[in-house]
PDB file of all heavy atoms in Angstrom:
ATOM      1  N   ASP A   1     103.510 111.595 150.062  1.00  0.00           N
ATOM      2  CA  ASP A   1     104.682 110.975 150.538  1.00  0.00           C
ATOM      3  C   ASP A   1     104.638 109.422 150.431  1.00  0.00           C
ATOM      4  O   ASP A   1     105.567 108.702 149.939  1.00  0.00           O
ATOM      5  CB  ASP A   1     105.063 111.331 151.894  1.00  0.00           C
ATOM      6  CG  ASP A   1     105.298 112.802 152.043  1.00  0.00           C
ATOM      7  OD1 ASP A   1     105.850 113.355 151.031  1.00  0.00           O
ATOM      8  OD2 ASP A   1     104.942 113.464 153.068  1.00  0.00           O
ATOM      9  N   ILE A   2     103.479 108.801 150.764  1.00  0.00           N
ATOM     10  CA  ILE A   2     103.381 107.444 150.802  1.00  0.00           C
ATOM     11  C   ILE A   2     103.226 106.898 149.304  1.00  0.00           C
ATOM     12  O   ILE A   2     103.839 105.875 148.912  1.00  0.00           O
ATOM     13  CB  ILE A   2     102.121 106.935 151.491  1.00  0.00           C
ATOM     14  CG1 ILE A   2     102.109 107.667 152.965  1.00  0.00           C
ATOM     15  CG2 ILE A   2     102.178 105.400 151.684  1.00  0.00           C
ATOM     16  CD1 ILE A   2     103.214 107.165 153.794  1.00  0.00           C
ATOM     17  N   GLU A   3     102.583 107.710 148.501  1.00  0.00           N
ATOM     18  CA  GLU A   3     102.497 107.350 147.051  1.00  0.00           C
ATOM     19  C   GLU A   3     103.828 107.329 146.355  1.00  0.00           C
ATOM     20  O   GLU A   3     104.158 106.413 145.517  1.00  0.00           O
ATOM     21  CB  GLU A   3     101.605 108.245 146.350  1.00  0.00           C
ATOM     22  CG  GLU A   3     100.058 108.233 146.742  1.00  0.00           C
ATOM     23  CD  GLU A   3      99.356 107.236 145.946  1.00  0.00           C
ATOM     24  OE1 GLU A   3      99.922 106.562 145.022  1.00  0.00           O
ATOM     25  OE2 GLU A   3      98.165 107.037 146.216  1.00  0.00           O
ATOM     26  N   ASP A   4     104.681 108.332 146.803  1.00  0.00           N
ATOM     27  CA  ASP A   4     106.147 108.313 146.185  1.00  0.00           C
ATOM     28  C   ASP A   4     106.812 107.080 146.753  1.00  0.00           C
ATOM     29  O   ASP A   4     107.723 106.562 145.952  1.00  0.00           O
ATOM     30  CB  ASP A   4     106.755 109.593 146.659  1.00  0.00           C
ATOM     31  CG  ASP A   4     106.171 110.792 146.009  1.00  0.00           C
ATOM     32  OD1 ASP A   4     105.516 110.647 144.985  1.00  0.00           O
ATOM     33  OD2 ASP A   4     106.368 111.973 146.488  1.00  0.00           O
ATOM     34  N   TYR A   5     106.693 106.707 147.914  1.00  0.00           N
ATOM     35  CA  TYR A   5     107.254 105.500 148.533  1.00  0.00           C
ATOM     36  C   TYR A   5     106.888 104.278 147.735  1.00  0.00           C
ATOM     37  O   TYR A   5     107.708 103.447 147.396  1.00  0.00           O
ATOM     38  CB  TYR A   5     106.903 105.385 149.995  1.00  0.00           C
ATOM     39  CG  TYR A   5     107.353 104.049 150.603  1.00  0.00           C
ATOM     40  CD1 TYR A   5     108.662 103.831 151.036  1.00  0.00           C
ATOM     41  CD2 TYR A   5     106.503 103.135 150.728  1.00  0.00           C
ATOM     42  CE1 TYR A   5     109.055 102.612 151.594  1.00  0.00           C
ATOM     43  CE2 TYR A   5     106.879 101.841 151.290  1.00  0.00           C
ATOM     44  CZ  TYR A   5     108.203 101.721 151.782  1.00  0.00           C
ATOM     45  OH  TYR A   5     108.578 100.415 152.320  1.00  0.00           O
ATOM     46  N   ILE A   6     105.591 104.164 147.395  1.00  0.00           N
ATOM     47  CA  ILE A   6     105.071 103.008 146.675  1.00  0.00           C
ATOM     48  C   ILE A   6     105.795 102.996 145.241  1.00  0.00           C
ATOM     49  O   ILE A   6     106.199 101.855 144.785  1.00  0.00           O
ATOM     50  CB  ILE A   6     103.634 103.106 146.532  1.00  0.00           C
ATOM     51  CG1 ILE A   6     102.903 102.924 147.869  1.00  0.00           C
ATOM     52  CG2 ILE A   6     103.111 101.971 145.549  1.00  0.00           C
ATOM     53  CD1 ILE A   6     101.395 103.204 147.742  1.00  0.00           C
ATOM     54  N   GLN A   7     105.995 104.084 144.673  1.00  0.00           N
ATOM     55  CA  GLN A   7     106.643 104.239 143.206  1.00  0.00           C
ATOM     56  C   GLN A   7     107.982 103.809 143.353  1.00  0.00           C
ATOM     57  O   GLN A   7     108.563 103.077 142.504  1.00  0.00           O
ATOM     58  CB  GLN A   7     106.408 105.579 142.818  1.00  0.00           C
ATOM     59  CG  GLN A   7     106.998 105.739 141.238  1.00  0.00           C
ATOM     60  CD  GLN A   7     106.118 104.933 140.329  1.00  0.00           C
ATOM     61  OE1 GLN A   7     104.959 104.900 140.426  1.00  0.00           O
ATOM     62  NE2 GLN A   7     106.903 104.129 139.526  1.00  0.00           N
ATOM     63  N   VAL A   8     108.707 104.214 144.465  1.00  0.00           N
ATOM     64  CA  VAL A   8     110.145 103.941 144.583  1.00  0.00           C
ATOM     65  C   VAL A   8     110.258 102.283 144.715  1.00  0.00           C
ATOM     66  O   VAL A   8     111.169 101.720 144.043  1.00  0.00           O
ATOM     67  CB  VAL A   8     110.767 104.613 145.731  1.00  0.00           C
ATOM     68  CG1 VAL A   8     112.150 104.035 146.118  1.00  0.00           C
ATOM     69  CG2 VAL A   8     110.919 106.073 145.567  1.00  0.00           C
ATOM     70  N   ARG A   9     109.439 101.830 145.531  1.00  0.00           N
ATOM     71  CA  ARG A   9     109.466 100.293 145.742  1.00  0.00           C
ATOM     72  C   ARG A   9     109.146  99.514 144.455  1.00  0.00           C
ATOM     73  O   ARG A   9     109.786  98.554 144.169  1.00  0.00           O
ATOM     74  CB  ARG A   9     108.413  99.856 146.797  1.00  0.00           C
ATOM     75  CG  ARG A   9     108.860 100.162 148.199  1.00  0.00           C
ATOM     76  CD  ARG A   9     110.191  99.681 148.486  1.00  0.00           C
ATOM     77  NE  ARG A   9     110.439  99.602 149.895  1.00  0.00           N
ATOM     78  CZ  ARG A   9     111.617  99.427 150.417  1.00  0.00           C
ATOM     79  NH1 ARG A   9     112.773  99.504 149.682  1.00  0.00           N
ATOM     80  NH2 ARG A   9     111.768  99.363 151.748  1.00  0.00           N
ATOM     81  N   GLN A  10     108.163 100.145 143.568  1.00  0.00           N
ATOM     82  CA  GLN A  10     107.894  99.457 142.336  1.00  0.00           C
ATOM     83  C   GLN A  10     109.190  99.448 141.413  1.00  0.00           C
ATOM     84  O   GLN A  10     109.391  98.647 140.619  1.00  0.00           O
ATOM     85  CB  GLN A  10     106.672 100.135 141.737  1.00  0.00           C
ATOM     86  CG  GLN A  10     105.388  99.769 142.434  1.00  0.00           C
ATOM     87  CD  GLN A  10     104.152 100.510 141.854  1.00  0.00           C
ATOM     88  OE1 GLN A  10     104.389 101.515 141.134  1.00  0.00           O
ATOM     89  NE2 GLN A  10     102.961 100.002 142.250  1.00  0.00           N
ATOM     90  N   ASP A  11     109.821 100.664 141.385  1.00  0.00           N
ATOM     91  CA  ASP A  11     110.986 100.938 140.558  1.00  0.00           C
ATOM     92  C   ASP A  11     112.156  99.868 140.995  1.00  0.00           C
ATOM     93  O   ASP A  11     112.949  99.576 140.139  1.00  0.00           O
ATOM     94  CB  ASP A  11     111.458 102.369 140.609  1.00  0.00           C
ATOM     95  CG  ASP A  11     110.478 103.281 139.998  1.00  0.00           C
ATOM     96  OD1 ASP A  11     109.521 102.853 139.162  1.00  0.00           O
ATOM     97  OD2 ASP A  11     110.477 104.511 140.321  1.00  0.00           O
ATOM     98  N   GLU A  12     112.172  99.619 142.248  1.00  0.00           N
ATOM     99  CA  GLU A  12     113.111  98.645 142.820  1.00  0.00           C
ATOM    100  C   GLU A  12     112.841  97.245 142.410  1.00  0.00           C
ATOM    101  O   GLU A  12     113.703  96.370 142.621  1.00  0.00           O
ATOM    102  CB  GLU A  12     113.363  98.738 144.290  1.00  0.00           C
ATOM    103  CG  GLU A  12     113.914 100.143 144.712  1.00  0.00           C
ATOM    104  CD  GLU A  12     113.901 100.175 146.179  1.00  0.00           C
ATOM    105  OE1 GLU A  12     113.329  99.312 146.904  1.00  0.00           O
ATOM    106  OE2 GLU A  12     114.458 101.253 146.807  1.00  0.00           O
ATOM    107  N   GLY A  13     111.602  97.003 141.822  1.00  0.00           N
ATOM    108  CA  GLY A  13     111.367  95.676 141.349  1.00  0.00           C
ATOM    109  C   GLY A  13     110.621  94.751 142.375  1.00  0.00           C
ATOM    110  O   GLY A  13     110.576  93.521 142.169  1.00  0.00           O
ATOM    111  N   LEU A  14     110.093  95.417 143.468  1.00  0.00           N
ATOM    112  CA  LEU A  14     109.397  94.674 144.431  1.00  0.00           C
ATOM    113  C   LEU A  14     108.061  94.060 143.898  1.00  0.00           C
ATOM    114  O   LEU A  14     107.376  94.874 143.096  1.00  0.00           O
ATOM    115  CB  LEU A  14     109.224  95.367 145.756  1.00  0.00           C
ATOM    116  CG  LEU A  14     110.256  95.196 146.739  1.00  0.00           C
ATOM    117  CD1 LEU A  14     111.681  95.833 146.329  1.00  0.00           C
ATOM    118  CD2 LEU A  14     109.886  95.815 148.065  1.00  0.00           C
ATOM    119  N   MET A  15     107.589  92.925 144.249  1.00  0.00           N
ATOM    120  CA  MET A  15     106.251  92.474 143.950  1.00  0.00           C
ATOM    121  C   MET A  15     105.167  93.328 144.659  1.00  0.00           C
ATOM    122  O   MET A  15     105.303  93.736 145.722  1.00  0.00           O
ATOM    123  CB  MET A  15     106.170  90.978 144.398  1.00  0.00           C
ATOM    124  CG  MET A  15     107.099  90.163 143.695  1.00  0.00           C
ATOM    125  SD  MET A  15     106.801  89.979 141.927  1.00  0.00           S
ATOM    126  CE  MET A  15     105.318  89.163 141.911  1.00  0.00           C
ATOM    127  N   PRO A  16     103.995  93.501 143.950  1.00  0.00           N
ATOM    128  CA  PRO A  16     102.912  94.286 144.604  1.00  0.00           C
ATOM    129  C   PRO A  16     102.510  93.683 145.943  1.00  0.00           C
ATOM    130  O   PRO A  16     102.192  94.469 146.831  1.00  0.00           O
ATOM    131  CB  PRO A  16     101.861  94.114 143.485  1.00  0.00           C
ATOM    132  CG  PRO A  16     102.528  93.883 142.236  1.00  0.00           C
ATOM    133  CD  PRO A  16     103.704  93.080 142.595  1.00  0.00           C
ATOM    134  N   SER A  17     102.584  92.382 146.091  1.00  0.00           N
ATOM    135  CA  SER A  17     102.148  91.784 147.385  1.00  0.00           C
ATOM    136  C   SER A  17     103.150  92.150 148.506  1.00  0.00           C
ATOM    137  O   SER A  17     102.724  92.490 149.630  1.00  0.00           O
ATOM    138  CB  SER A  17     102.037  90.285 147.244  1.00  0.00           C
ATOM    139  OG  SER A  17     103.257  89.783 146.878  1.00  0.00           O
ATOM    140  N   THR A  18     104.442  92.211 148.050  1.00  0.00           N
ATOM    141  CA  THR A  18     105.441  92.744 149.087  1.00  0.00           C
ATOM    142  C   THR A  18     105.249  94.064 149.490  1.00  0.00           C
ATOM    143  O   THR A  18     105.300  94.481 150.743  1.00  0.00           O
ATOM    144  CB  THR A  18     106.785  92.428 148.580  1.00  0.00           C
ATOM    145  OG1 THR A  18     107.027  91.055 148.109  1.00  0.00           O
ATOM    146  CG2 THR A  18     107.882  92.830 149.585  1.00  0.00           C
ATOM    147  N   ILE A  19     104.976  94.944 148.543  1.00  0.00           N
ATOM    148  CA  ILE A  19     104.709  96.426 148.798  1.00  0.00           C
ATOM    149  C   ILE A  19     103.462  96.579 149.716  1.00  0.00           C
ATOM    150  O   ILE A  19     103.462  97.371 150.661  1.00  0.00           O
ATOM    151  CB  ILE A  19     104.525  97.191 147.557  1.00  0.00           C
ATOM    152  CG1 ILE A  19     105.832  97.085 146.730  1.00  0.00           C
ATOM    153  CG2 ILE A  19     104.222  98.594 147.819  1.00  0.00           C
ATOM    154  CD1 ILE A  19     105.728  97.763 145.349  1.00  0.00           C
ATOM    155  N   ASP A  20     102.323  95.791 149.449  1.00  0.00           N
ATOM    156  CA  ASP A  20     101.223  95.811 150.195  1.00  0.00           C
ATOM    157  C   ASP A  20     101.468  95.447 151.699  1.00  0.00           C
ATOM    158  O   ASP A  20     100.916  96.055 152.577  1.00  0.00           O
ATOM    159  CB  ASP A  20     100.144  94.961 149.538  1.00  0.00           C
ATOM    160  CG  ASP A  20      98.772  95.192 150.137  1.00  0.00           C
ATOM    161  OD1 ASP A  20      98.342  96.328 150.114  1.00  0.00           O
ATOM    162  OD2 ASP A  20      98.187  94.257 150.690  1.00  0.00           O
ATOM    163  N   ARG A  21     102.227  94.420 151.874  1.00  0.00           N
ATOM    164  CA  ARG A  21     102.672  94.024 153.329  1.00  0.00           C
ATOM    165  C   ARG A  21     103.403  95.234 153.999  1.00  0.00           C
ATOM    166  O   ARG A  21     103.117  95.395 155.186  1.00  0.00           O
ATOM    167  CB  ARG A  21     103.365  92.805 153.256  1.00  0.00           C
ATOM    168  CG  ARG A  21     102.550  91.545 153.025  1.00  0.00           C
ATOM    169  CD  ARG A  21     103.325  90.271 153.301  1.00  0.00           C
ATOM    170  NE  ARG A  21     104.370  90.062 152.370  1.00  0.00           N
ATOM    171  CZ  ARG A  21     104.296  89.339 151.300  1.00  0.00           C
ATOM    172  NH1 ARG A  21     103.166  88.803 150.893  1.00  0.00           N
ATOM    173  NH2 ARG A  21     105.414  89.145 150.518  1.00  0.00           N
ATOM    174  N   GLU A  22     104.227  95.852 153.305  1.00  0.00           N
ATOM    175  CA  GLU A  22     105.011  96.942 153.865  1.00  0.00           C
ATOM    176  C   GLU A  22     104.040  98.067 154.166  1.00  0.00           C
ATOM    177  O   GLU A  22     104.155  98.813 155.323  1.00  0.00           O
ATOM    178  CB  GLU A  22     106.088  97.496 152.867  1.00  0.00           C
ATOM    179  CG  GLU A  22     107.319  96.515 152.722  1.00  0.00           C
ATOM    180  CD  GLU A  22     108.341  97.204 151.784  1.00  0.00           C
ATOM    181  OE1 GLU A  22     108.169  98.187 151.178  1.00  0.00           O
ATOM    182  OE2 GLU A  22     109.386  96.383 151.632  1.00  0.00           O
ATOM    183  N   LEU A  23     103.104  98.347 153.398  1.00  0.00           N
ATOM    184  CA  LEU A  23     102.074  99.297 153.656  1.00  0.00           C
ATOM    185  C   LEU A  23     101.173  98.998 154.854  1.00  0.00           C
ATOM    186  O   LEU A  23     100.890  99.849 155.648  1.00  0.00           O
ATOM    187  CB  LEU A  23     101.135  99.579 152.452  1.00  0.00           C
ATOM    188  CG  LEU A  23     101.799 100.205 151.195  1.00  0.00           C
ATOM    189  CD1 LEU A  23     100.899 100.243 150.041  1.00  0.00           C
ATOM    190  CD2 LEU A  23     102.480 101.557 151.511  1.00  0.00           C
ATOM    191  N   ASP A  24     100.967  97.667 155.009  1.00  0.00           N
ATOM    192  CA  ASP A  24     100.273  97.180 156.290  1.00  0.00           C
ATOM    193  C   ASP A  24     101.092  97.621 157.568  1.00  0.00           C
ATOM    194  O   ASP A  24     100.389  98.085 158.486  1.00  0.00           O
ATOM    195  CB  ASP A  24     100.052  95.761 156.240  1.00  0.00           C
ATOM    196  CG  ASP A  24      98.926  95.420 155.153  1.00  0.00           C
ATOM    197  OD1 ASP A  24      98.146  96.244 154.922  1.00  0.00           O
ATOM    198  OD2 ASP A  24      98.872  94.228 154.707  1.00  0.00           O
ATOM    199  N   SER A  25     102.361  97.503 157.461  1.00  0.00           N
ATOM    200  CA  SER A  25     103.227  97.766 158.636  1.00  0.00           C
ATOM    201  C   SER A  25     103.246  99.314 158.857  1.00  0.00           C
ATOM    202  O   SER A  25     103.169  99.709 160.025  1.00  0.00           O
ATOM    203  CB  SER A  25     104.678  97.291 158.422  1.00  0.00           C
ATOM    204  OG  SER A  25     104.565  95.885 158.168  1.00  0.00           O
ATOM    205  N   ILE A  26     103.260 100.110 157.845  1.00  0.00           N
ATOM    206  CA  ILE A  26     103.366 101.562 158.037  1.00  0.00           C
ATOM    207  C   ILE A  26     101.948 101.990 158.597  1.00  0.00           C
ATOM    208  O   ILE A  26     101.822 102.792 159.541  1.00  0.00           O
ATOM    209  CB  ILE A  26     103.588 102.210 156.670  1.00  0.00           C
ATOM    210  CG1 ILE A  26     104.959 101.969 156.240  1.00  0.00           C
ATOM    211  CG2 ILE A  26     103.365 103.790 156.772  1.00  0.00           C
ATOM    212  CD1 ILE A  26     105.380 102.415 154.841  1.00  0.00           C
ATOM    213  N   SER A  27     100.845 101.386 158.141  1.00  0.00           N
ATOM    214  CA  SER A  27      99.561 101.697 158.512  1.00  0.00           C
ATOM    215  C   SER A  27      99.410 101.338 160.004  1.00  0.00           C
ATOM    216  O   SER A  27      98.639 102.004 160.721  1.00  0.00           O
ATOM    217  CB  SER A  27      98.551 100.948 157.695  1.00  0.00           C
ATOM    218  OG  SER A  27      97.145 101.220 158.125  1.00  0.00           O
ATOM    219  N   ALA A  28      99.993 100.286 160.373  1.00  0.00           N
ATOM    220  CA  ALA A  28      99.958  99.954 161.821  1.00  0.00           C
ATOM    221  C   ALA A  28     100.549 100.957 162.707  1.00  0.00           C
ATOM    222  O   ALA A  28     100.056 101.369 163.781  1.00  0.00           O
ATOM    223  CB  ALA A  28     100.624  98.547 162.045  1.00  0.00           C
ATOM    224  N   VAL A  29     101.594 101.568 162.321  1.00  0.00           N
ATOM    225  CA  VAL A  29     102.270 102.701 163.092  1.00  0.00           C
ATOM    226  C   VAL A  29     101.319 103.897 163.194  1.00  0.00           C
ATOM    227  O   VAL A  29     101.140 104.508 164.185  1.00  0.00           O
ATOM    228  CB  VAL A  29     103.603 103.018 162.480  1.00  0.00           C
ATOM    229  CG1 VAL A  29     104.235 104.234 163.284  1.00  0.00           C
ATOM    230  CG2 VAL A  29     104.588 101.820 162.479  1.00  0.00           C
ATOM    231  N   PHE A  30     100.781 104.230 161.975  1.00  0.00           N
ATOM    232  CA  PHE A  30      99.802 105.289 161.909  1.00  0.00           C
ATOM    233  C   PHE A  30      98.626 105.148 162.874  1.00  0.00           C
ATOM    234  O   PHE A  30      98.231 105.945 163.738  1.00  0.00           O
ATOM    235  CB  PHE A  30      99.326 105.469 160.521  1.00  0.00           C
ATOM    236  CG  PHE A  30     100.063 106.456 159.759  1.00  0.00           C
ATOM    237  CD1 PHE A  30     101.180 106.073 159.121  1.00  0.00           C
ATOM    238  CD2 PHE A  30      99.666 107.745 159.505  1.00  0.00           C
ATOM    239  CE1 PHE A  30     101.932 106.905 158.265  1.00  0.00           C
ATOM    240  CE2 PHE A  30     100.349 108.652 158.749  1.00  0.00           C
ATOM    241  CZ  PHE A  30     101.525 108.186 158.157  1.00  0.00           C
ATOM    242  N   SER A  31      98.060 104.019 162.864  1.00  0.00           N
ATOM    243  CA  SER A  31      96.868 103.600 163.684  1.00  0.00           C
ATOM    244  C   SER A  31      97.198 103.713 165.178  1.00  0.00           C
ATOM    245  O   SER A  31      96.515 104.320 165.953  1.00  0.00           O
ATOM    246  CB  SER A  31      96.326 102.278 163.460  1.00  0.00           C
ATOM    247  OG  SER A  31      95.967 102.140 162.031  1.00  0.00           O
ATOM    248  N   VAL A  32      98.276 103.114 165.650  1.00  0.00           N
ATOM    249  CA  VAL A  32      98.665 103.154 167.052  1.00  0.00           C
ATOM    250  C   VAL A  32      99.024 104.631 167.536  1.00  0.00           C
ATOM    251  O   VAL A  32      98.578 105.063 168.576  1.00  0.00           O
ATOM    252  CB  VAL A  32      99.832 102.203 167.404  1.00  0.00           C
ATOM    253  CG1 VAL A  32     100.330 102.334 168.721  1.00  0.00           C
ATOM    254  CG2 VAL A  32      99.445 100.770 167.055  1.00  0.00           C
ATOM    255  N   ALA A  33      99.732 105.382 166.613  1.00  0.00           N
ATOM    256  CA  ALA A  33     100.129 106.659 167.001  1.00  0.00           C
ATOM    257  C   ALA A  33      98.832 107.566 167.174  1.00  0.00           C
ATOM    258  O   ALA A  33      98.826 108.394 168.107  1.00  0.00           O
ATOM    259  CB  ALA A  33     101.117 107.207 165.965  1.00  0.00           C
ATOM    260  N   ILE A  34      97.988 107.411 166.262  1.00  0.00           N
ATOM    261  CA  ILE A  34      96.760 108.314 166.367  1.00  0.00           C
ATOM    262  C   ILE A  34      95.806 107.864 167.486  1.00  0.00           C
ATOM    263  O   ILE A  34      95.262 108.620 168.188  1.00  0.00           O
ATOM    264  CB  ILE A  34      96.089 108.321 165.017  1.00  0.00           C
ATOM    265  CG1 ILE A  34      96.984 108.987 163.934  1.00  0.00           C
ATOM    266  CG2 ILE A  34      94.762 109.095 164.975  1.00  0.00           C
ATOM    267  CD1 ILE A  34      96.448 108.788 162.497  1.00  0.00           C
ATOM    268  N   ASN A  35      95.494 106.466 167.521  1.00  0.00           N
ATOM    269  CA  ASN A  35      94.409 106.058 168.311  1.00  0.00           C
ATOM    270  C   ASN A  35      94.854 105.690 169.766  1.00  0.00           C
ATOM    271  O   ASN A  35      93.996 105.761 170.618  1.00  0.00           O
ATOM    272  CB  ASN A  35      93.775 104.774 167.681  1.00  0.00           C
ATOM    273  CG  ASN A  35      93.241 105.085 166.335  1.00  0.00           C
ATOM    274  OD1 ASN A  35      92.722 106.220 166.066  1.00  0.00           O
ATOM    275  ND2 ASN A  35      93.253 104.207 165.404  1.00  0.00           N
ATOM    276  N   VAL A  36      96.112 105.396 169.905  1.00  0.00           N
ATOM    277  CA  VAL A  36      96.615 104.932 171.277  1.00  0.00           C
ATOM    278  C   VAL A  36      97.514 106.045 171.844  1.00  0.00           C
ATOM    279  O   VAL A  36      97.267 106.376 173.030  1.00  0.00           O
ATOM    280  CB  VAL A  36      97.333 103.656 171.174  1.00  0.00           C
ATOM    281  CG1 VAL A  36      97.813 103.099 172.510  1.00  0.00           C
ATOM    282  CG2 VAL A  36      96.456 102.508 170.539  1.00  0.00           C
ATOM    283  N   TRP A  37      98.484 106.522 171.135  1.00  0.00           N
ATOM    284  CA  TRP A  37      99.407 107.486 171.733  1.00  0.00           C
ATOM    285  C   TRP A  37      98.975 108.947 171.703  1.00  0.00           C
ATOM    286  O   TRP A  37      99.584 109.763 172.274  1.00  0.00           O
ATOM    287  CB  TRP A  37     100.746 107.355 171.044  1.00  0.00           C
ATOM    288  CG  TRP A  37     101.380 105.966 171.195  1.00  0.00           C
ATOM    289  CD1 TRP A  37     101.158 105.094 172.187  1.00  0.00           C
ATOM    290  CD2 TRP A  37     102.351 105.342 170.252  1.00  0.00           C
ATOM    291  NE1 TRP A  37     101.902 103.980 172.033  1.00  0.00           N
ATOM    292  CE2 TRP A  37     102.716 104.121 170.875  1.00  0.00           C
ATOM    293  CE3 TRP A  37     102.955 105.751 169.104  1.00  0.00           C
ATOM    294  CZ2 TRP A  37     103.575 103.265 170.255  1.00  0.00           C
ATOM    295  CZ3 TRP A  37     103.864 104.906 168.554  1.00  0.00           C
ATOM    296  CH2 TRP A  37     104.212 103.748 169.093  1.00  0.00           C
ATOM    297  N   GLY A  38      97.869 109.149 170.996  1.00  0.00           N
ATOM    298  CA  GLY A  38      97.320 110.569 170.990  1.00  0.00           C
ATOM    299  C   GLY A  38      97.886 111.617 170.140  1.00  0.00           C
ATOM    300  O   GLY A  38      97.826 112.742 170.336  1.00  0.00           O
ATOM    301  N   TYR A  39      98.612 111.037 169.081  1.00  0.00           N
ATOM    302  CA  TYR A  39      99.200 112.118 168.149  1.00  0.00           C
ATOM    303  C   TYR A  39      98.169 112.309 167.006  1.00  0.00           C
ATOM    304  O   TYR A  39      98.040 111.606 165.991  1.00  0.00           O
ATOM    305  CB  TYR A  39     100.506 111.436 167.527  1.00  0.00           C
ATOM    306  CG  TYR A  39     101.667 111.437 168.449  1.00  0.00           C
ATOM    307  CD1 TYR A  39     101.926 110.280 169.196  1.00  0.00           C
ATOM    308  CD2 TYR A  39     102.417 112.523 168.807  1.00  0.00           C
ATOM    309  CE1 TYR A  39     102.943 110.168 170.099  1.00  0.00           C
ATOM    310  CE2 TYR A  39     103.446 112.486 169.690  1.00  0.00           C
ATOM    311  CZ  TYR A  39     103.725 111.260 170.361  1.00  0.00           C
ATOM    312  OH  TYR A  39     104.749 111.174 171.278  1.00  0.00           O
ATOM    313  N   ALA A  40      97.482 113.391 167.209  1.00  0.00           N
ATOM    314  CA  ALA A  40      96.327 113.767 166.327  1.00  0.00           C
ATOM    315  C   ALA A  40      96.927 114.496 164.949  1.00  0.00           C
ATOM    316  O   ALA A  40      97.827 115.172 165.049  1.00  0.00           O
ATOM    317  CB  ALA A  40      95.414 114.793 167.013  1.00  0.00           C
ATOM    318  N   VAL A  41      96.273 114.068 163.920  1.00  0.00           N
ATOM    319  CA  VAL A  41      96.479 114.712 162.673  1.00  0.00           C
ATOM    320  C   VAL A  41      95.211 115.006 161.940  1.00  0.00           C
ATOM    321  O   VAL A  41      94.102 114.579 162.402  1.00  0.00           O
ATOM    322  CB  VAL A  41      97.256 113.710 161.775  1.00  0.00           C
ATOM    323  CG1 VAL A  41      98.679 113.307 162.184  1.00  0.00           C
ATOM    324  CG2 VAL A  41      96.505 112.373 161.542  1.00  0.00           C
TER     325      VAL A  41
END
C-alpha cells in the first residue's frame, strides 16, 4: 500500500525529497501507534 502511494506521488510530479518527508510523517504515525498507543501489528 505504501509502495503504491509512493508511485502515485511520483506520477503527480513530486520531488523525491518531498515524498521522503511525507514518508517520514507516515512513519511517525506508525511508530506512535505501535510503540505508544499499543496497536500491535
